[in-house]
Amino acid sequence: MELFDALPAPLRTAINDAGFEFVPRFAARLLARGVSVDRAAEIIRETDLRLMRKGCAA
């Protein structure tokens, strides 16, 4: 939970709004690789949409 709380607001929102359960570590890894906050949130949203279309969400 501490890692989630440490994430920037756009990433927390993207993770909360996602239908698929993303772990905060996924967002932290994107940021560690130099991805911007906005792009990381976009990646999470795009990935969620792809997974939802495939029916992977519980």
PDB file of N, CA and C in Angstrom:
ATOM      1  N   MET A   1       0.812  -1.186   0.000  1.00  0.00           N
ATOM      2  CA  MET A   1       0.000   0.000   0.000  1.00  0.00           C
ATOM      3  C   MET A   1       0.862   1.258   0.000  1.00  0.00           C
ATOM      4  N   GLU A   2       2.017   1.200   0.636  1.00  0.00           N
ATOM      5  CA  GLU A   2       2.901   2.363   0.670  1.00  0.00           C
ATOM      6  C   GLU A   2       3.368   2.734  -0.727  1.00  0.00           C
ATOM      7  N   LEU A   3       3.659   1.743  -1.549  1.00  0.00           N
ATOM      8  CA  LEU A   3       4.101   2.021  -2.913  1.00  0.00           C
ATOM      9  C   LEU A   3       2.983   2.692  -3.696  1.00  0.00           C
ATOM     10  N   PHE A   4       1.770   2.215  -3.539  1.00  0.00           N
ATOM     11  CA  PHE A   4       0.631   2.818  -4.227  1.00  0.00           C
ATOM     12  C   PHE A   4       0.469   4.279  -3.806  1.00  0.00           C
ATOM     13  N   ASP A   5       0.552   4.542  -2.512  1.00  0.00           N
ATOM     14  CA  ASP A   5       0.399   5.907  -2.003  1.00  0.00           C
ATOM     15  C   ASP A   5       1.510   6.828  -2.487  1.00  0.00           C
ATOM     16  N   ALA A   6       2.672   6.276  -2.792  1.00  0.00           N
ATOM     17  CA  ALA A   6       3.805   7.080  -3.245  1.00  0.00           C
ATOM     18  C   ALA A   6       3.724   7.420  -4.733  1.00  0.00           C
ATOM     19  N   LEU A   7       2.846   6.744  -5.474  1.00  0.00           N
ATOM     20  CA  LEU A   7       2.722   7.006  -6.911  1.00  0.00           C
ATOM     21  C   LEU A   7       2.043   8.347  -7.155  1.00  0.00           C
ATOM     22  N   PRO A   8       2.377   9.000  -8.275  1.00  0.00           N
ATOM     23  CA  PRO A   8       1.695  10.245  -8.637  1.00  0.00           C
ATOM     24  C   PRO A   8       0.196  10.005  -8.854  1.00  0.00           C
ATOM     25  N   ALA A   9      -0.585  11.041  -8.633  1.00  0.00           N
ATOM     26  CA  ALA A   9      -2.049  10.944  -8.710  1.00  0.00           C
ATOM     27  C   ALA A   9      -2.567  10.355 -10.025  1.00  0.00           C
ATOM     28  N   PRO A  10      -2.031  10.750 -11.201  1.00  0.00           N
ATOM     29  CA  PRO A  10      -2.562  10.169 -12.444  1.00  0.00           C
ATOM     30  C   PRO A  10      -2.394   8.646 -12.515  1.00  0.00           C
ATOM     31  N   LEU A  11      -1.316   8.142 -11.950  1.00  0.00           N
ATOM     32  CA  LEU A  11      -1.100   6.688 -11.962  1.00  0.00           C
ATOM     33  C   LEU A  11      -2.038   5.991 -10.985  1.00  0.00           C
ATOM     34  N   ARG A  12      -2.233   6.577  -9.818  1.00  0.00           N
ATOM     35  CA  ARG A  12      -3.176   5.985  -8.861  1.00  0.00           C
ATOM     36  C   ARG A  12      -4.583   5.946  -9.454  1.00  0.00           C
ATOM     37  N   THR A  13      -4.964   7.005 -10.147  1.00  0.00           N
ATOM     38  CA  THR A  13      -6.286   7.057 -10.777  1.00  0.00           C
ATOM     39  C   THR A  13      -6.415   5.989 -11.852  1.00  0.00           C
ATOM     40  N   ALA A  14      -5.388   5.846 -12.693  1.00  0.00           N
ATOM     41  CA  ALA A  14      -5.425   4.845 -13.765  1.00  0.00           C
ATOM     42  C   ALA A  14      -5.542   3.435 -13.188  1.00  0.00           C
ATOM     43  N   ILE A  15      -4.814   3.160 -12.118  1.00  0.00           N
ATOM     44  CA  ILE A  15      -4.866   1.838 -11.492  1.00  0.00           C
ATOM     45  C   ILE A  15      -6.242   1.609 -10.860  1.00  0.00           C
ATOM     46  N   ASN A  16      -6.772   2.625 -10.183  1.00  0.00           N
ATOM     47  CA  ASN A  16      -8.092   2.490  -9.541  1.00  0.00           C
ATOM     48  C   ASN A  16      -9.206   2.309 -10.554  1.00  0.00           C
ATOM     49  N   ASP A  17      -9.111   2.985 -11.696  1.00  0.00           N
ATOM     50  CA  ASP A  17     -10.167   2.927 -12.706  1.00  0.00           C
ATOM     51  C   ASP A  17     -10.106   1.671 -13.568  1.00  0.00           C
ATOM     52  N   ALA A  18      -8.993   0.972 -13.527  1.00  0.00           N
ATOM     53  CA  ALA A  18      -8.814  -0.205 -14.380  1.00  0.00           C
ATOM     54  C   ALA A  18      -9.711  -1.352 -13.926  1.00  0.00           C
ATOM     55  N   GLY A  19     -10.245  -2.078 -14.892  1.00  0.00           N
ATOM     56  CA  GLY A  19     -11.046  -3.255 -14.589  1.00  0.00           C
ATOM     57  C   GLY A  19     -10.172  -4.442 -14.220  1.00  0.00           C
ATOM     58  N   PHE A  20      -8.965  -4.472 -14.762  1.00  0.00           N
ATOM     59  CA  PHE A  20      -7.995  -5.515 -14.466  1.00  0.00           C
ATOM     60  C   PHE A  20      -7.181  -5.054 -13.265  1.00  0.00           C
ATOM     61  N   GLU A  21      -6.790  -5.965 -12.412  1.00  0.00           N
ATOM     62  CA  GLU A  21      -6.047  -5.590 -11.212  1.00  0.00           C
ATOM     63  C   GLU A  21      -4.565  -5.410 -11.534  1.00  0.00           C
ATOM     64  N   PHE A  22      -4.110  -4.173 -11.480  1.00  0.00           N
ATOM     65  CA  PHE A  22      -2.699  -3.857 -11.698  1.00  0.00           C
ATOM     66  C   PHE A  22      -2.022  -3.670 -10.355  1.00  0.00           C
ATOM     67  N   VAL A  23      -0.833  -4.219 -10.215  1.00  0.00           N
ATOM     68  CA  VAL A  23      -0.069  -3.998  -8.991  1.00  0.00           C
ATOM     69  C   VAL A  23       0.704  -2.691  -9.144  1.00  0.00           C
ATOM     70  N   PRO A  24       0.864  -1.934  -8.072  1.00  0.00           N
ATOM     71  CA  PRO A  24       1.590  -0.665  -8.150  1.00  0.00           C
ATOM     72  C   PRO A  24       3.024  -0.825  -8.647  1.00  0.00           C
ATOM     73  N   ARG A  25       3.590  -2.001  -8.441  1.00  0.00           N
ATOM     74  CA  ARG A  25       4.960  -2.262  -8.886  1.00  0.00           C
ATOM     75  C   ARG A  25       5.086  -2.103 -10.403  1.00  0.00           C
ATOM     76  N   PHE A  26       4.014  -2.413 -11.150  1.00  0.00           N
ATOM     77  CA  PHE A  26       4.017  -2.255 -12.608  1.00  0.00           C
ATOM     78  C   PHE A  26       4.245  -0.789 -12.968  1.00  0.00           C
ATOM     79  N   ALA A  27       3.519   0.109 -12.315  1.00  0.00           N
ATOM     80  CA  ALA A  27       3.670   1.542 -12.571  1.00  0.00           C
ATOM     81  C   ALA A  27       5.044   2.026 -12.124  1.00  0.00           C
ATOM     82  N   ALA A  28       5.511   1.531 -10.993  1.00  0.00           N
ATOM     83  CA  ALA A  28       6.825   1.937 -10.491  1.00  0.00           C
ATOM     84  C   ALA A  28       7.931   1.520 -11.458  1.00  0.00           C
ATOM     85  N   ARG A  29       7.798   0.355 -12.058  1.00  0.00           N
ATOM     86  CA  ARG A  29       8.799  -0.096 -13.036  1.00  0.00           C
ATOM     87  C   ARG A  29       8.809   0.793 -14.272  1.00  0.00           C
ATOM     88  N   LEU A  30       7.620   1.196 -14.722  1.00  0.00           N
ATOM     89  CA  LEU A  30       7.555   2.094 -15.876  1.00  0.00           C
ATOM     90  C   LEU A  30       8.272   3.402 -15.570  1.00  0.00           C
ATOM     91  N   LEU A  31       8.015   3.955 -14.393  1.00  0.00           N
ATOM     92  CA  LEU A  31       8.667   5.210 -14.008  1.00  0.00           C
ATOM     93  C   LEU A  31      10.178   5.029 -13.883  1.00  0.00           C
ATOM     94  N   ALA A  32      10.608   3.902 -13.344  1.00  0.00           N
ATOM     95  CA  ALA A  32      12.039   3.635 -13.186  1.00  0.00           C
ATOM     96  C   ALA A  32      12.747   3.527 -14.532  1.00  0.00           C
ATOM     97  N   ARG A  33      12.003   3.133 -15.556  1.00  0.00           N
ATOM     98  CA  ARG A  33      12.578   3.019 -16.903  1.00  0.00           C
ATOM     99  C   ARG A  33      12.567   4.346 -17.647  1.00  0.00           C
ATOM    100  N   GLY A  34      12.099   5.406 -16.995  1.00  0.00           N
ATOM    101  CA  GLY A  34      12.127   6.724 -17.601  1.00  0.00           C
ATOM    102  C   GLY A  34      10.863   7.126 -18.329  1.00  0.00           C
ATOM    103  N   VAL A  35       9.805   6.350 -18.185  1.00  0.00           N
ATOM    104  CA  VAL A  35       8.532   6.679 -18.818  1.00  0.00           C
ATOM    105  C   VAL A  35       7.894   7.819 -18.024  1.00  0.00           C
ATOM    106  N   SER A  36       7.315   8.783 -18.715  1.00  0.00           N
ATOM    107  CA  SER A  36       6.670   9.902 -18.021  1.00  0.00           C
ATOM    108  C   SER A  36       5.421   9.416 -17.289  1.00  0.00           C
ATOM    109  N   VAL A  37       4.981  10.199 -16.329  1.00  0.00           N
ATOM    110  CA  VAL A  37       3.794   9.844 -15.547  1.00  0.00           C
ATOM    111  C   VAL A  37       2.573   9.724 -16.456  1.00  0.00           C
ATOM    112  N   ASP A  38       2.401  10.694 -17.350  1.00  0.00           N
ATOM    113  CA  ASP A  38       1.238  10.663 -18.245  1.00  0.00           C
ATOM    114  C   ASP A  38       1.277   9.457 -19.172  1.00  0.00           C
ATOM    115  N   ARG A  39       2.446   9.151 -19.701  1.00  0.00           N
ATOM    116  CA  ARG A  39       2.569   7.998 -20.608  1.00  0.00           C
ATOM    117  C   ARG A  39       2.350   6.692 -19.844  1.00  0.00           C
ATOM    118  N   ALA A  40       2.845   6.609 -18.620  1.00  0.00           N
ATOM    119  CA  ALA A  40       2.647   5.397 -17.820  1.00  0.00           C
ATOM    120  C   ALA A  40       1.160   5.176 -17.545  1.00  0.00           C
ATOM    121  N   ALA A  41       0.435   6.249 -17.236  1.00  0.00           N
ATOM    122  CA  ALA A  41      -1.009   6.135 -17.012  1.00  0.00           C
ATOM    123  C   ALA A  41      -1.707   5.691 -18.293  1.00  0.00           C
ATOM    124  N   GLU A  42      -1.255   6.215 -19.418  1.00  0.00           N
ATOM    125  CA  GLU A  42      -1.831   5.829 -20.710  1.00  0.00           C
ATOM    126  C   GLU A  42      -1.566   4.351 -21.005  1.00  0.00           C
ATOM    127  N   ILE A  43      -0.370   3.885 -20.708  1.00  0.00           N
ATOM    128  CA  ILE A  43      -0.023   2.473 -20.920  1.00  0.00           C
ATOM    129  C   ILE A  43      -0.931   1.580 -20.076  1.00  0.00           C
ATOM    130  N   ILE A  44      -1.169   1.969 -18.839  1.00  0.00           N
ATOM    131  CA  ILE A  44      -2.041   1.180 -17.963  1.00  0.00           C
ATOM    132  C   ILE A  44      -3.454   1.134 -18.530  1.00  0.00           C
ATOM    133  N   ARG A  45      -3.967   2.282 -18.975  1.00  0.00           N
ATOM    134  CA  ARG A  45      -5.327   2.318 -19.543  1.00  0.00           C
ATOM    135  C   ARG A  45      -5.410   1.475 -20.816  1.00  0.00           C
ATOM    136  N   GLU A  46      -4.402   1.587 -21.698  1.00  0.00           N
ATOM    137  CA  GLU A  46      -4.411   0.815 -22.947  1.00  0.00           C
ATOM    138  C   GLU A  46      -4.323  -0.679 -22.669  1.00  0.00           C
ATOM    139  N   THR A  47      -3.470  -1.058 -21.739  1.00  0.00           N
ATOM    140  CA  THR A  47      -3.325  -2.466 -21.381  1.00  0.00           C
ATOM    141  C   THR A  47      -4.625  -3.001 -20.792  1.00  0.00           C
ATOM    142  N   ASP A  48      -5.258  -2.206 -19.946  1.00  0.00           N
ATOM    143  CA  ASP A  48      -6.530  -2.611 -19.350  1.00  0.00           C
ATOM    144  C   ASP A  48      -7.582  -2.843 -20.429  1.00  0.00           C
ATOM    145  N   LEU A  49      -7.664  -1.948 -21.398  1.00  0.00           N
ATOM    146  CA  LEU A  49      -8.644  -2.110 -22.482  1.00  0.00           C
ATOM    147  C   LEU A  49      -8.396  -3.393 -23.270  1.00  0.00           C
ATOM    148  N   ARG A  50      -7.129  -3.670 -23.575  1.00  0.00           N
ATOM    149  CA  ARG A  50      -6.807  -4.903 -24.313  1.00  0.00           C
ATOM    150  C   ARG A  50      -7.185  -6.135 -23.506  1.00  0.00           C
ATOM    151  N   LEU A  51      -6.880  -6.121 -22.211  1.00  0.00           N
ATOM    152  CA  LEU A  51      -7.204  -7.274 -21.369  1.00  0.00           C
ATOM    153  C   LEU A  51      -8.711  -7.447 -21.218  1.00  0.00           C
ATOM    154  N   MET A  52      -9.429  -6.352 -21.104  1.00  0.00           N
ATOM    155  CA  MET A  52     -10.888  -6.427 -20.966  1.00  0.00           C
ATOM    156  C   MET A  52     -11.517  -6.990 -22.241  1.00  0.00           C
ATOM    157  N   ARG A  53     -10.984  -6.604 -23.395  1.00  0.00           N
ATOM    158  CA  ARG A  53     -11.510  -7.133 -24.663  1.00  0.00           C
ATOM    159  C   ARG A  53     -11.290  -8.635 -24.769  1.00  0.00           C
ATOM    160  N   LYS A  54     -10.186  -9.099 -24.205  1.00  0.00           N
ATOM    161  CA  LYS A  54      -9.885 -10.531 -24.253  1.00  0.00           C
ATOM    162  C   LYS A  54     -10.636 -11.301 -23.171  1.00  0.00           C
ATOM    163  N   GLY A  55     -11.283 -10.589 -22.272  1.00  0.00           N
ATOM    164  CA  GLY A  55     -12.028 -11.251 -21.207  1.00  0.00           C
ATOM    165  C   GLY A  55     -11.164 -11.764 -20.085  1.00  0.00           C
ATOM    166  N   CYS A  56     -10.031 -11.123 -19.853  1.00  0.00           N
ATOM    167  CA  CYS A  56      -9.109 -11.586 -18.818  1.00  0.00           C
ATOM    168  C   CYS A  56      -9.456 -11.075 -17.431  1.00  0.00           C
ATOM    169  N   ALA A  57     -10.304 -10.078 -17.332  1.00  0.00           N
ATOM    170  CA  ALA A  57     -10.617  -9.516 -16.017  1.00  0.00           C
ATOM    171  C   ALA A  57     -11.582 -10.423 -15.269  1.00  0.00           C
ATOM    172  N   ALA A  58     -11.394 -10.474 -13.972  1.00  0.00           N
ATOM    173  CA  ALA A  58     -12.253 -11.324 -13.134  1.00  0.00           C
ATOM    174  C   ALA A  58     -13.555 -10.630 -12.815  1.00  0.00           C
TER     175      ALA A  58
END
